[in-house]
């Protein structure tokens, strides 16, 4: 195994609390299992356009509601979506700070203009990492190979020199397919255990 140089975090459901499945299920107008719900989210055309910065919030709301047959109030849908990230999990900042400084700490997150300001400023993530790879700023979304290749190129490292943690199997599978050391984790405690298992934390 190559020596790890980069510790790459996803945000939602790893460091950031997105709540139970009821919120995202309501956006997608479905009552499927959590795994199916996230697969639908990651393969939604409207979500991909918004998270890659190609459309604005109002157009996203229109397109997603049409896509899933959601007939609710658009203003309420929009308000609920903007408020979706509940905040950081307890211990999230402490975990990031605990990663030794000789590792390059970075974020790779599917996110958007409606949430990014809250994540960085309100939740205090703006000064915690060395690099930030936000989908709406890159114009690239996970699990597309291009998003991971962008990170590899920008940081000038080998895929095997990255340890990546994400809560979604589609994203993990795509990263592993490129040779990245990718691990499925949900929440701070699982992320901490992953870092310990890989000798990032003692």
N, C-alpha and C. Protein backbone atom coordinates (compact mmCIF):
# COMPACT_ATOMS: atom_id res chain seq x y z
N UNK A 1 0.84 -1.20 0.00
CA UNK A 1 0.00 0.00 0.00
C UNK A 1 0.87 1.25 0.00
N UNK A 2 0.55 2.20 -0.86
CA UNK A 2 1.28 3.45 -0.90
C UNK A 2 1.06 4.24 0.39
N UNK A 3 2.01 5.09 0.70
CA UNK A 3 1.86 5.95 1.86
C UNK A 3 0.77 6.99 1.59
N UNK A 4 -0.15 7.12 2.52
CA UNK A 4 -1.24 8.09 2.37
C UNK A 4 -0.69 9.50 2.53
N UNK A 5 -1.04 10.36 1.58
CA UNK A 5 -0.66 11.77 1.66
C UNK A 5 -1.86 12.69 1.83
N UNK A 6 -3.03 12.23 1.35
CA UNK A 6 -4.23 13.08 1.34
C UNK A 6 -5.35 12.37 2.10
N UNK A 7 -5.97 13.08 3.02
CA UNK A 7 -7.18 12.59 3.69
C UNK A 7 -8.34 13.41 3.14
N UNK A 8 -9.22 12.74 2.41
CA UNK A 8 -10.28 13.39 1.65
C UNK A 8 -11.63 13.04 2.26
N UNK A 9 -12.34 14.05 2.71
CA UNK A 9 -13.63 13.87 3.37
C UNK A 9 -14.78 14.23 2.45
N UNK A 10 -15.81 13.41 2.43
CA UNK A 10 -17.13 13.86 2.00
C UNK A 10 -17.72 14.64 3.17
N UNK A 11 -18.77 15.42 2.92
CA UNK A 11 -19.39 16.19 4.00
C UNK A 11 -20.68 15.56 4.50
N UNK A 12 -21.69 15.46 3.63
CA UNK A 12 -23.00 15.00 4.06
C UNK A 12 -22.98 13.59 4.60
N UNK A 13 -23.50 13.43 5.81
CA UNK A 13 -23.59 12.15 6.52
C UNK A 13 -22.24 11.60 6.96
N UNK A 14 -21.18 12.36 6.73
CA UNK A 14 -19.86 12.01 7.28
C UNK A 14 -19.51 13.01 8.38
N UNK A 15 -19.45 14.29 8.02
CA UNK A 15 -19.22 15.35 8.99
C UNK A 15 -20.47 16.18 9.25
N UNK A 16 -21.35 16.23 8.27
CA UNK A 16 -22.55 17.07 8.34
C UNK A 16 -23.80 16.20 8.49
N UNK A 17 -24.62 16.56 9.45
CA UNK A 17 -25.85 15.82 9.74
C UNK A 17 -26.95 16.21 8.75
N UNK A 18 -27.38 15.25 7.94
CA UNK A 18 -28.48 15.48 7.00
C UNK A 18 -29.80 14.91 7.52
N UNK A 19 -29.80 14.45 8.76
CA UNK A 19 -31.02 13.92 9.34
C UNK A 19 -31.34 12.53 8.82
N UNK A 20 -32.54 12.04 9.16
CA UNK A 20 -32.93 10.72 8.69
C UNK A 20 -33.40 10.80 7.25
N UNK A 21 -33.86 9.68 6.72
CA UNK A 21 -34.17 9.63 5.29
C UNK A 21 -35.43 10.39 4.92
N UNK A 22 -36.21 10.82 5.91
CA UNK A 22 -37.51 11.43 5.60
C UNK A 22 -37.38 12.71 4.77
N UNK A 23 -36.32 13.50 5.03
CA UNK A 23 -36.17 14.77 4.31
C UNK A 23 -35.87 14.54 2.84
N UNK A 24 -34.85 13.74 2.56
CA UNK A 24 -34.51 13.50 1.15
C UNK A 24 -35.61 12.71 0.45
N UNK A 25 -36.28 11.83 1.19
CA UNK A 25 -37.40 11.08 0.61
C UNK A 25 -38.52 12.03 0.18
N UNK A 26 -38.75 13.06 0.99
CA UNK A 26 -39.80 14.02 0.64
C UNK A 26 -39.43 14.82 -0.60
N UNK A 27 -38.14 15.15 -0.75
CA UNK A 27 -37.70 15.87 -1.95
C UNK A 27 -37.92 15.03 -3.21
N UNK A 28 -37.71 13.72 -3.07
CA UNK A 28 -37.82 12.83 -4.22
C UNK A 28 -39.21 12.21 -4.36
N UNK A 29 -40.11 12.56 -3.43
CA UNK A 29 -41.49 12.08 -3.50
C UNK A 29 -41.54 10.55 -3.53
N UNK A 30 -40.81 9.93 -2.59
CA UNK A 30 -40.70 8.48 -2.58
C UNK A 30 -40.63 7.96 -1.16
N UNK A 31 -40.89 6.68 -0.98
CA UNK A 31 -40.73 6.05 0.33
C UNK A 31 -39.85 4.81 0.22
N UNK A 32 -38.91 4.84 -0.73
CA UNK A 32 -38.00 3.71 -0.94
C UNK A 32 -37.03 3.57 0.23
N UNK A 33 -36.22 2.52 0.17
CA UNK A 33 -35.17 2.33 1.16
C UNK A 33 -34.12 3.42 1.00
N UNK A 34 -33.32 3.61 2.03
CA UNK A 34 -32.32 4.68 2.00
C UNK A 34 -31.34 4.50 0.84
N UNK A 35 -30.90 3.28 0.60
CA UNK A 35 -29.95 3.03 -0.49
C UNK A 35 -30.55 3.40 -1.84
N UNK A 36 -31.81 3.03 -2.06
CA UNK A 36 -32.48 3.35 -3.32
C UNK A 36 -32.69 4.86 -3.45
N UNK A 37 -33.05 5.49 -2.34
CA UNK A 37 -33.27 6.94 -2.34
C UNK A 37 -32.00 7.67 -2.76
N UNK A 38 -30.86 7.29 -2.19
CA UNK A 38 -29.61 7.97 -2.54
C UNK A 38 -29.19 7.67 -3.97
N UNK A 39 -29.49 6.47 -4.44
CA UNK A 39 -29.18 6.16 -5.84
C UNK A 39 -30.01 7.06 -6.76
N UNK A 40 -31.28 7.25 -6.41
CA UNK A 40 -32.13 8.14 -7.21
C UNK A 40 -31.59 9.57 -7.17
N UNK A 41 -31.14 10.00 -6.00
CA UNK A 41 -30.62 11.36 -5.86
C UNK A 41 -29.38 11.56 -6.73
N UNK A 42 -28.47 10.60 -6.65
CA UNK A 42 -27.20 10.72 -7.38
C UNK A 42 -27.36 10.55 -8.89
N UNK A 43 -28.47 9.97 -9.31
CA UNK A 43 -28.71 9.80 -10.75
C UNK A 43 -29.77 10.75 -11.28
N UNK A 44 -30.23 11.68 -10.45
CA UNK A 44 -31.22 12.66 -10.87
C UNK A 44 -30.58 13.70 -11.79
N UNK A 45 -31.21 13.97 -12.91
CA UNK A 45 -30.69 14.97 -13.84
C UNK A 45 -30.73 16.36 -13.23
N UNK A 46 -31.81 16.68 -12.53
CA UNK A 46 -31.93 18.00 -11.91
C UNK A 46 -30.87 18.21 -10.83
N UNK A 47 -30.66 17.19 -10.01
CA UNK A 47 -29.65 17.28 -8.95
C UNK A 47 -28.26 17.47 -9.55
N UNK A 48 -27.94 16.69 -10.57
CA UNK A 48 -26.63 16.79 -11.21
C UNK A 48 -26.40 18.18 -11.79
N UNK A 49 -27.42 18.75 -12.41
CA UNK A 49 -27.29 20.09 -12.98
C UNK A 49 -27.06 21.13 -11.89
N UNK A 50 -27.81 21.02 -10.81
CA UNK A 50 -27.69 22.01 -9.73
C UNK A 50 -26.37 21.86 -8.99
N UNK A 51 -26.01 20.62 -8.66
CA UNK A 51 -24.79 20.40 -7.90
C UNK A 51 -23.53 20.67 -8.73
N UNK A 52 -23.67 20.71 -10.05
CA UNK A 52 -22.52 21.07 -10.89
C UNK A 52 -22.55 22.54 -11.29
N UNK A 53 -23.49 23.29 -10.73
CA UNK A 53 -23.53 24.73 -10.95
C UNK A 53 -24.11 25.16 -12.28
N UNK A 54 -24.80 24.26 -12.95
CA UNK A 54 -25.31 24.58 -14.29
C UNK A 54 -26.67 25.29 -14.26
N UNK A 55 -27.41 25.14 -13.17
CA UNK A 55 -28.69 25.83 -13.03
C UNK A 55 -28.77 26.44 -11.63
N UNK A 56 -29.65 27.43 -11.48
CA UNK A 56 -29.83 28.08 -10.19
C UNK A 56 -30.86 27.35 -9.33
N UNK A 57 -31.05 27.87 -8.13
CA UNK A 57 -31.92 27.22 -7.15
C UNK A 57 -33.36 27.13 -7.63
N UNK A 58 -33.91 28.21 -8.14
CA UNK A 58 -35.31 28.19 -8.56
C UNK A 58 -35.55 27.20 -9.69
N UNK A 59 -34.62 27.19 -10.65
CA UNK A 59 -34.76 26.25 -11.76
C UNK A 59 -34.60 24.81 -11.28
N UNK A 60 -33.70 24.60 -10.33
CA UNK A 60 -33.54 23.27 -9.74
C UNK A 60 -34.83 22.80 -9.09
N UNK A 61 -35.45 23.66 -8.30
CA UNK A 61 -36.70 23.30 -7.64
C UNK A 61 -37.76 22.92 -8.68
N UNK A 62 -37.87 23.73 -9.73
CA UNK A 62 -38.84 23.44 -10.79
C UNK A 62 -38.56 22.10 -11.45
N UNK A 63 -37.30 21.89 -11.82
CA UNK A 63 -36.94 20.67 -12.55
C UNK A 63 -37.08 19.42 -11.69
N UNK A 64 -36.63 19.50 -10.43
CA UNK A 64 -36.71 18.31 -9.58
C UNK A 64 -38.16 17.96 -9.26
N UNK A 65 -38.97 18.96 -8.96
CA UNK A 65 -40.38 18.68 -8.66
C UNK A 65 -41.08 18.07 -9.86
N UNK A 66 -40.76 18.55 -11.05
CA UNK A 66 -41.33 17.96 -12.27
C UNK A 66 -40.81 16.55 -12.49
N UNK A 67 -39.53 16.36 -12.24
CA UNK A 67 -38.88 15.07 -12.48
C UNK A 67 -39.50 13.96 -11.62
N UNK A 68 -39.83 14.29 -10.37
CA UNK A 68 -40.32 13.26 -9.45
C UNK A 68 -41.83 13.30 -9.25
N UNK A 69 -42.50 14.21 -9.95
CA UNK A 69 -43.95 14.30 -9.82
C UNK A 69 -44.40 14.85 -8.47
N UNK A 70 -43.63 15.80 -7.96
CA UNK A 70 -43.94 16.42 -6.66
C UNK A 70 -44.88 17.60 -6.91
N UNK A 71 -46.06 17.56 -6.30
CA UNK A 71 -47.07 18.59 -6.56
C UNK A 71 -47.28 19.53 -5.38
N UNK A 72 -46.29 19.60 -4.49
CA UNK A 72 -46.40 20.46 -3.32
C UNK A 72 -46.12 21.92 -3.66
N UNK A 73 -46.08 22.73 -2.62
CA UNK A 73 -45.82 24.16 -2.77
C UNK A 73 -44.33 24.39 -3.04
N UNK A 74 -44.02 25.11 -4.11
CA UNK A 74 -42.62 25.29 -4.51
C UNK A 74 -41.83 26.11 -3.50
N UNK A 75 -42.46 27.11 -2.92
CA UNK A 75 -41.72 27.94 -1.95
C UNK A 75 -41.39 27.14 -0.69
N UNK A 76 -42.30 26.28 -0.27
CA UNK A 76 -42.04 25.43 0.89
C UNK A 76 -40.95 24.41 0.58
N UNK A 77 -41.00 23.85 -0.63
CA UNK A 77 -39.97 22.90 -1.07
C UNK A 77 -38.60 23.58 -1.04
N UNK A 78 -38.54 24.78 -1.59
CA UNK A 78 -37.28 25.53 -1.66
C UNK A 78 -36.76 25.83 -0.26
N UNK A 79 -37.63 26.28 0.62
CA UNK A 79 -37.23 26.61 1.99
C UNK A 79 -36.71 25.38 2.72
N UNK A 80 -37.39 24.25 2.54
CA UNK A 80 -36.96 23.01 3.20
C UNK A 80 -35.62 22.55 2.66
N UNK A 81 -35.41 22.72 1.36
CA UNK A 81 -34.15 22.28 0.77
C UNK A 81 -32.98 23.12 1.27
N UNK A 82 -33.15 24.42 1.31
CA UNK A 82 -32.08 25.31 1.78
C UNK A 82 -31.70 24.98 3.23
N UNK A 83 -32.70 24.61 4.02
CA UNK A 83 -32.47 24.31 5.44
C UNK A 83 -32.01 22.88 5.68
N UNK A 84 -31.86 22.10 4.61
CA UNK A 84 -31.63 20.67 4.76
C UNK A 84 -30.44 20.29 5.65
N UNK A 85 -29.23 20.78 5.42
CA UNK A 85 -28.14 20.38 6.34
C UNK A 85 -28.44 20.88 7.75
N UNK A 86 -28.52 19.95 8.70
CA UNK A 86 -28.89 20.32 10.06
C UNK A 86 -27.76 20.99 10.83
N UNK A 87 -26.54 20.71 10.44
CA UNK A 87 -25.37 21.19 11.17
C UNK A 87 -24.33 20.10 11.22
N UNK A 88 -23.24 20.37 11.89
CA UNK A 88 -22.18 19.37 12.01
C UNK A 88 -22.54 18.32 13.04
N UNK A 89 -22.09 17.09 12.80
CA UNK A 89 -22.17 16.08 13.85
C UNK A 89 -21.27 16.50 15.01
N UNK A 90 -21.64 16.11 16.20
CA UNK A 90 -20.78 16.36 17.36
C UNK A 90 -19.40 15.74 17.11
N UNK A 91 -18.38 16.52 17.36
CA UNK A 91 -17.02 16.03 17.22
C UNK A 91 -16.44 16.14 15.82
N UNK A 92 -17.19 16.71 14.87
CA UNK A 92 -16.70 16.78 13.49
C UNK A 92 -15.44 17.64 13.36
N UNK A 93 -15.49 18.84 13.90
CA UNK A 93 -14.33 19.74 13.81
C UNK A 93 -13.13 19.14 14.54
N UNK A 94 -13.40 18.56 15.69
CA UNK A 94 -12.31 17.96 16.48
C UNK A 94 -11.65 16.83 15.71
N UNK A 95 -12.44 16.05 14.99
CA UNK A 95 -11.88 14.95 14.21
C UNK A 95 -10.96 15.48 13.11
N UNK A 96 -11.42 16.49 12.39
CA UNK A 96 -10.60 17.06 11.31
C UNK A 96 -9.31 17.63 11.88
N UNK A 97 -9.41 18.33 12.99
CA UNK A 97 -8.22 18.92 13.60
C UNK A 97 -7.25 17.87 14.11
N UNK A 98 -7.76 16.69 14.44
CA UNK A 98 -6.91 15.62 14.97
C UNK A 98 -6.04 14.98 13.90
N UNK A 99 -6.40 15.15 12.63
CA UNK A 99 -5.58 14.59 11.55
C UNK A 99 -4.25 15.32 11.52
N UNK A 100 -3.14 14.61 11.65
CA UNK A 100 -1.82 15.28 11.72
C UNK A 100 -1.56 16.19 10.53
N UNK A 101 -0.82 17.25 10.78
CA UNK A 101 -0.65 18.32 9.79
C UNK A 101 0.16 17.90 8.57
N UNK A 102 0.89 16.78 8.65
CA UNK A 102 1.66 16.38 7.46
C UNK A 102 0.77 15.72 6.41
N UNK A 103 -0.48 15.43 6.75
CA UNK A 103 -1.45 14.99 5.75
C UNK A 103 -2.15 16.21 5.15
N UNK A 104 -2.41 16.14 3.86
CA UNK A 104 -3.18 17.19 3.19
C UNK A 104 -4.65 16.88 3.40
N UNK A 105 -5.35 17.76 4.09
CA UNK A 105 -6.77 17.55 4.40
C UNK A 105 -7.63 18.27 3.37
N UNK A 106 -8.59 17.55 2.81
CA UNK A 106 -9.41 18.14 1.75
C UNK A 106 -10.84 17.63 1.82
N UNK A 107 -11.72 18.37 1.16
CA UNK A 107 -13.13 18.02 1.02
C UNK A 107 -13.40 17.70 -0.44
N UNK A 108 -14.18 16.64 -0.68
CA UNK A 108 -14.77 16.40 -2.00
C UNK A 108 -16.25 16.15 -1.77
N UNK A 109 -17.06 17.12 -2.13
CA UNK A 109 -18.48 17.06 -1.77
C UNK A 109 -19.37 17.46 -2.93
N UNK A 110 -20.44 16.69 -3.13
CA UNK A 110 -21.52 17.14 -4.00
C UNK A 110 -22.34 18.14 -3.19
N UNK A 111 -22.28 19.39 -3.59
CA UNK A 111 -22.98 20.43 -2.86
C UNK A 111 -23.42 21.49 -3.86
N UNK A 112 -23.85 22.63 -3.36
CA UNK A 112 -24.46 23.62 -4.25
C UNK A 112 -24.39 25.00 -3.61
N UNK A 113 -24.75 26.00 -4.40
CA UNK A 113 -24.66 27.38 -3.92
C UNK A 113 -25.62 27.65 -2.77
N UNK A 114 -26.71 26.91 -2.69
CA UNK A 114 -27.68 27.12 -1.61
C UNK A 114 -27.15 26.65 -0.26
N UNK A 115 -26.24 25.68 -0.27
CA UNK A 115 -25.74 25.09 0.98
C UNK A 115 -24.31 25.49 1.32
N UNK A 116 -23.53 25.88 0.31
CA UNK A 116 -22.09 26.05 0.53
C UNK A 116 -21.79 27.14 1.56
N UNK A 117 -22.47 28.26 1.50
CA UNK A 117 -22.24 29.32 2.46
C UNK A 117 -22.53 28.88 3.88
N UNK A 118 -23.59 28.12 4.05
CA UNK A 118 -23.92 27.62 5.39
C UNK A 118 -22.85 26.65 5.88
N UNK A 119 -22.39 25.77 5.00
CA UNK A 119 -21.38 24.79 5.38
C UNK A 119 -20.07 25.47 5.79
N UNK A 120 -19.66 26.46 5.02
CA UNK A 120 -18.38 27.11 5.26
C UNK A 120 -18.43 28.09 6.43
N UNK A 121 -19.44 28.93 6.44
CA UNK A 121 -19.49 30.03 7.42
C UNK A 121 -20.28 29.67 8.67
N UNK A 122 -21.53 29.32 8.49
CA UNK A 122 -22.39 29.01 9.64
C UNK A 122 -21.86 27.81 10.42
N UNK A 123 -21.37 26.80 9.71
CA UNK A 123 -20.89 25.58 10.39
C UNK A 123 -19.39 25.59 10.64
N UNK A 124 -18.71 26.62 10.16
CA UNK A 124 -17.31 26.81 10.52
C UNK A 124 -16.30 25.91 9.83
N UNK A 125 -16.61 25.46 8.61
CA UNK A 125 -15.68 24.57 7.91
C UNK A 125 -14.68 25.31 7.03
N UNK A 126 -14.81 26.62 6.93
CA UNK A 126 -14.03 27.37 5.95
C UNK A 126 -12.53 27.40 6.22
N UNK A 127 -12.11 27.15 7.43
CA UNK A 127 -10.67 27.24 7.74
C UNK A 127 -10.10 25.91 8.22
N UNK A 128 -10.81 24.82 7.98
CA UNK A 128 -10.41 23.54 8.56
C UNK A 128 -9.64 22.64 7.60
N UNK A 129 -9.62 22.98 6.31
CA UNK A 129 -9.04 22.09 5.30
C UNK A 129 -8.02 22.83 4.45
N UNK A 130 -7.14 22.06 3.82
CA UNK A 130 -6.14 22.63 2.93
C UNK A 130 -6.70 22.86 1.54
N UNK A 131 -7.63 22.02 1.11
CA UNK A 131 -8.24 22.16 -0.22
C UNK A 131 -9.73 21.85 -0.14
N UNK A 132 -10.48 22.53 -1.00
CA UNK A 132 -11.94 22.35 -1.04
C UNK A 132 -12.35 22.03 -2.47
N UNK A 133 -12.92 20.86 -2.67
CA UNK A 133 -13.40 20.46 -3.99
C UNK A 133 -14.92 20.33 -3.91
N UNK A 134 -15.60 21.43 -4.21
CA UNK A 134 -17.06 21.48 -4.16
C UNK A 134 -17.61 21.31 -5.56
N UNK A 135 -18.58 20.43 -5.71
CA UNK A 135 -19.07 20.07 -7.04
C UNK A 135 -19.55 21.27 -7.85
N UNK A 136 -20.25 22.19 -7.19
CA UNK A 136 -20.82 23.32 -7.94
C UNK A 136 -19.74 24.30 -8.39
N UNK A 137 -18.57 24.26 -7.75
CA UNK A 137 -17.46 25.10 -8.16
C UNK A 137 -16.60 24.41 -9.22
N UNK A 138 -16.49 23.09 -9.14
CA UNK A 138 -15.72 22.32 -10.13
C UNK A 138 -16.50 22.12 -11.42
N UNK A 139 -17.83 22.10 -11.32
CA UNK A 139 -18.66 21.71 -12.46
C UNK A 139 -18.66 20.22 -12.68
N UNK A 140 -18.32 19.47 -11.62
CA UNK A 140 -18.20 18.01 -11.69
C UNK A 140 -18.85 17.40 -10.46
N UNK A 141 -19.51 16.26 -10.63
CA UNK A 141 -20.19 15.63 -9.50
C UNK A 141 -19.76 14.17 -9.35
N UNK A 142 -19.73 13.72 -8.10
CA UNK A 142 -19.58 12.29 -7.83
C UNK A 142 -20.89 11.60 -8.21
N UNK A 143 -20.87 10.38 -8.69
CA UNK A 143 -19.73 9.48 -8.80
C UNK A 143 -19.00 9.52 -10.14
N UNK A 144 -19.13 10.60 -10.91
CA UNK A 144 -18.43 10.68 -12.19
C UNK A 144 -16.92 10.60 -11.97
N UNK A 145 -16.26 9.81 -12.79
CA UNK A 145 -14.81 9.64 -12.69
C UNK A 145 -14.08 10.98 -12.75
N UNK A 146 -14.64 11.89 -13.53
CA UNK A 146 -13.97 13.18 -13.74
C UNK A 146 -13.79 13.95 -12.44
N UNK A 147 -14.69 13.78 -11.48
CA UNK A 147 -14.56 14.51 -10.22
C UNK A 147 -13.34 14.03 -9.43
N UNK A 148 -13.12 12.72 -9.43
CA UNK A 148 -11.96 12.17 -8.72
C UNK A 148 -10.66 12.49 -9.46
N UNK A 149 -10.71 12.41 -10.77
CA UNK A 149 -9.52 12.72 -11.56
C UNK A 149 -9.11 14.18 -11.39
N UNK A 150 -10.10 15.04 -11.22
CA UNK A 150 -9.82 16.46 -10.97
C UNK A 150 -9.03 16.63 -9.67
N UNK A 151 -9.44 15.92 -8.63
CA UNK A 151 -8.75 16.00 -7.34
C UNK A 151 -7.33 15.46 -7.46
N UNK A 152 -7.19 14.31 -8.10
CA UNK A 152 -5.88 13.69 -8.27
C UNK A 152 -4.93 14.64 -9.00
N UNK A 153 -5.44 15.25 -10.06
CA UNK A 153 -4.62 16.17 -10.86
C UNK A 153 -4.28 17.44 -10.08
N UNK A 154 -5.28 17.99 -9.40
CA UNK A 154 -5.06 19.25 -8.68
C UNK A 154 -4.05 19.09 -7.55
N UNK A 155 -4.07 17.94 -6.90
CA UNK A 155 -3.17 17.71 -5.76
C UNK A 155 -1.87 17.04 -6.17
N UNK A 156 -1.79 16.64 -7.44
CA UNK A 156 -0.57 16.03 -7.98
C UNK A 156 -0.12 14.84 -7.14
N UNK A 157 -1.06 13.92 -6.91
CA UNK A 157 -0.77 12.71 -6.15
C UNK A 157 -1.25 11.50 -6.95
N UNK A 158 -0.82 10.33 -6.52
CA UNK A 158 -1.33 9.09 -7.08
C UNK A 158 -2.67 8.76 -6.41
N UNK A 159 -3.56 8.08 -7.11
CA UNK A 159 -4.82 7.68 -6.47
C UNK A 159 -4.59 6.90 -5.18
N UNK A 160 -3.55 6.07 -5.18
CA UNK A 160 -3.26 5.22 -4.02
C UNK A 160 -2.75 6.01 -2.82
N UNK A 161 -2.46 7.28 -3.03
CA UNK A 161 -1.98 8.13 -1.94
C UNK A 161 -3.10 8.92 -1.28
N UNK A 162 -4.34 8.63 -1.70
CA UNK A 162 -5.52 9.30 -1.14
C UNK A 162 -6.32 8.32 -0.29
N UNK A 163 -6.73 8.75 0.89
CA UNK A 163 -7.72 8.04 1.68
C UNK A 163 -9.00 8.87 1.63
N UNK A 164 -10.06 8.28 1.12
CA UNK A 164 -11.32 8.99 0.88
C UNK A 164 -12.44 8.32 1.68
N UNK A 165 -13.23 9.14 2.36
CA UNK A 165 -14.37 8.64 3.14
C UNK A 165 -15.65 9.27 2.63
N UNK A 166 -16.64 8.43 2.35
CA UNK A 166 -17.92 8.88 1.81
C UNK A 166 -19.01 7.97 2.36
N UNK A 167 -20.24 8.47 2.37
CA UNK A 167 -21.34 7.69 2.93
C UNK A 167 -22.14 6.94 1.88
N UNK A 168 -21.74 7.03 0.61
CA UNK A 168 -22.55 6.44 -0.45
C UNK A 168 -21.74 5.43 -1.24
N UNK A 169 -22.29 4.23 -1.39
CA UNK A 169 -21.57 3.15 -2.05
C UNK A 169 -21.25 3.45 -3.51
N UNK A 170 -22.13 4.15 -4.20
CA UNK A 170 -21.85 4.51 -5.59
C UNK A 170 -20.56 5.33 -5.69
N UNK A 171 -20.41 6.27 -4.77
CA UNK A 171 -19.22 7.11 -4.78
C UNK A 171 -17.96 6.34 -4.39
N UNK A 172 -18.11 5.43 -3.44
CA UNK A 172 -16.99 4.61 -3.02
C UNK A 172 -16.53 3.69 -4.15
N UNK A 173 -17.49 3.05 -4.81
CA UNK A 173 -17.15 2.14 -5.90
C UNK A 173 -16.41 2.87 -7.02
N UNK A 174 -16.87 4.08 -7.35
CA UNK A 174 -16.23 4.85 -8.42
C UNK A 174 -14.80 5.22 -8.04
N UNK A 175 -14.61 5.63 -6.79
CA UNK A 175 -13.27 6.00 -6.33
C UNK A 175 -12.34 4.80 -6.31
N UNK A 176 -12.83 3.68 -5.82
CA UNK A 176 -12.01 2.46 -5.77
C UNK A 176 -11.63 2.00 -7.17
N UNK A 177 -12.52 2.23 -8.13
CA UNK A 177 -12.24 1.86 -9.50
C UNK A 177 -11.05 2.59 -10.10
N UNK A 178 -10.71 3.72 -9.50
CA UNK A 178 -9.55 4.50 -9.94
C UNK A 178 -8.31 4.23 -9.10
N UNK A 179 -8.45 3.36 -8.11
CA UNK A 179 -7.31 3.03 -7.26
C UNK A 179 -7.23 3.82 -5.98
N UNK A 180 -8.22 4.65 -5.71
CA UNK A 180 -8.26 5.42 -4.46
C UNK A 180 -8.63 4.51 -3.30
N UNK A 181 -7.99 4.71 -2.16
CA UNK A 181 -8.36 3.99 -0.94
C UNK A 181 -9.63 4.62 -0.39
N UNK A 182 -10.77 4.06 -0.75
CA UNK A 182 -12.06 4.66 -0.43
C UNK A 182 -12.83 3.78 0.54
N UNK A 183 -13.45 4.41 1.54
CA UNK A 183 -14.11 3.68 2.61
C UNK A 183 -15.50 4.25 2.86
N UNK A 184 -16.45 3.35 3.01
CA UNK A 184 -17.83 3.73 3.31
C UNK A 184 -17.96 4.00 4.80
N UNK A 185 -18.24 5.24 5.16
CA UNK A 185 -18.43 5.60 6.57
C UNK A 185 -19.65 6.49 6.70
N UNK A 186 -20.28 6.42 7.85
CA UNK A 186 -21.41 7.30 8.16
C UNK A 186 -21.21 7.84 9.57
N UNK A 187 -21.02 9.13 9.65
CA UNK A 187 -20.87 9.77 10.94
C UNK A 187 -19.43 9.85 11.42
N UNK A 188 -19.24 10.65 12.45
CA UNK A 188 -17.91 10.95 12.96
C UNK A 188 -17.23 9.72 13.56
N UNK A 189 -17.98 8.90 14.28
CA UNK A 189 -17.36 7.75 14.94
C UNK A 189 -16.84 6.74 13.92
N UNK A 190 -17.60 6.49 12.86
CA UNK A 190 -17.12 5.58 11.82
C UNK A 190 -15.92 6.17 11.08
N UNK A 191 -15.95 7.48 10.86
CA UNK A 191 -14.82 8.14 10.20
C UNK A 191 -13.57 8.05 11.07
N UNK A 192 -13.73 8.26 12.36
CA UNK A 192 -12.60 8.17 13.29
C UNK A 192 -12.02 6.76 13.28
N UNK A 193 -12.90 5.76 13.30
CA UNK A 193 -12.44 4.37 13.29
C UNK A 193 -11.68 4.06 12.00
N UNK A 194 -12.16 4.58 10.89
CA UNK A 194 -11.49 4.39 9.60
C UNK A 194 -10.09 4.99 9.63
N UNK A 195 -9.98 6.19 10.17
CA UNK A 195 -8.67 6.85 10.25
C UNK A 195 -7.73 6.10 11.18
N UNK A 196 -8.26 5.54 12.23
CA UNK A 196 -7.43 4.75 13.15
C UNK A 196 -6.99 3.45 12.48
N UNK A 197 -7.92 2.80 11.79
CA UNK A 197 -7.60 1.53 11.12
C UNK A 197 -6.53 1.70 10.05
N UNK A 198 -6.46 2.90 9.48
CA UNK A 198 -5.49 3.17 8.42
C UNK A 198 -4.28 3.96 8.92
N UNK A 199 -4.12 3.97 10.24
CA UNK A 199 -2.94 4.56 10.88
C UNK A 199 -2.77 6.05 10.62
N UNK A 200 -3.90 6.72 10.38
CA UNK A 200 -3.86 8.18 10.28
C UNK A 200 -3.94 8.77 11.68
N UNK A 201 -4.81 8.18 12.50
CA UNK A 201 -4.93 8.54 13.91
C UNK A 201 -4.49 7.35 14.75
N UNK A 202 -3.97 7.64 15.91
CA UNK A 202 -3.55 6.56 16.81
C UNK A 202 -4.71 6.16 17.71
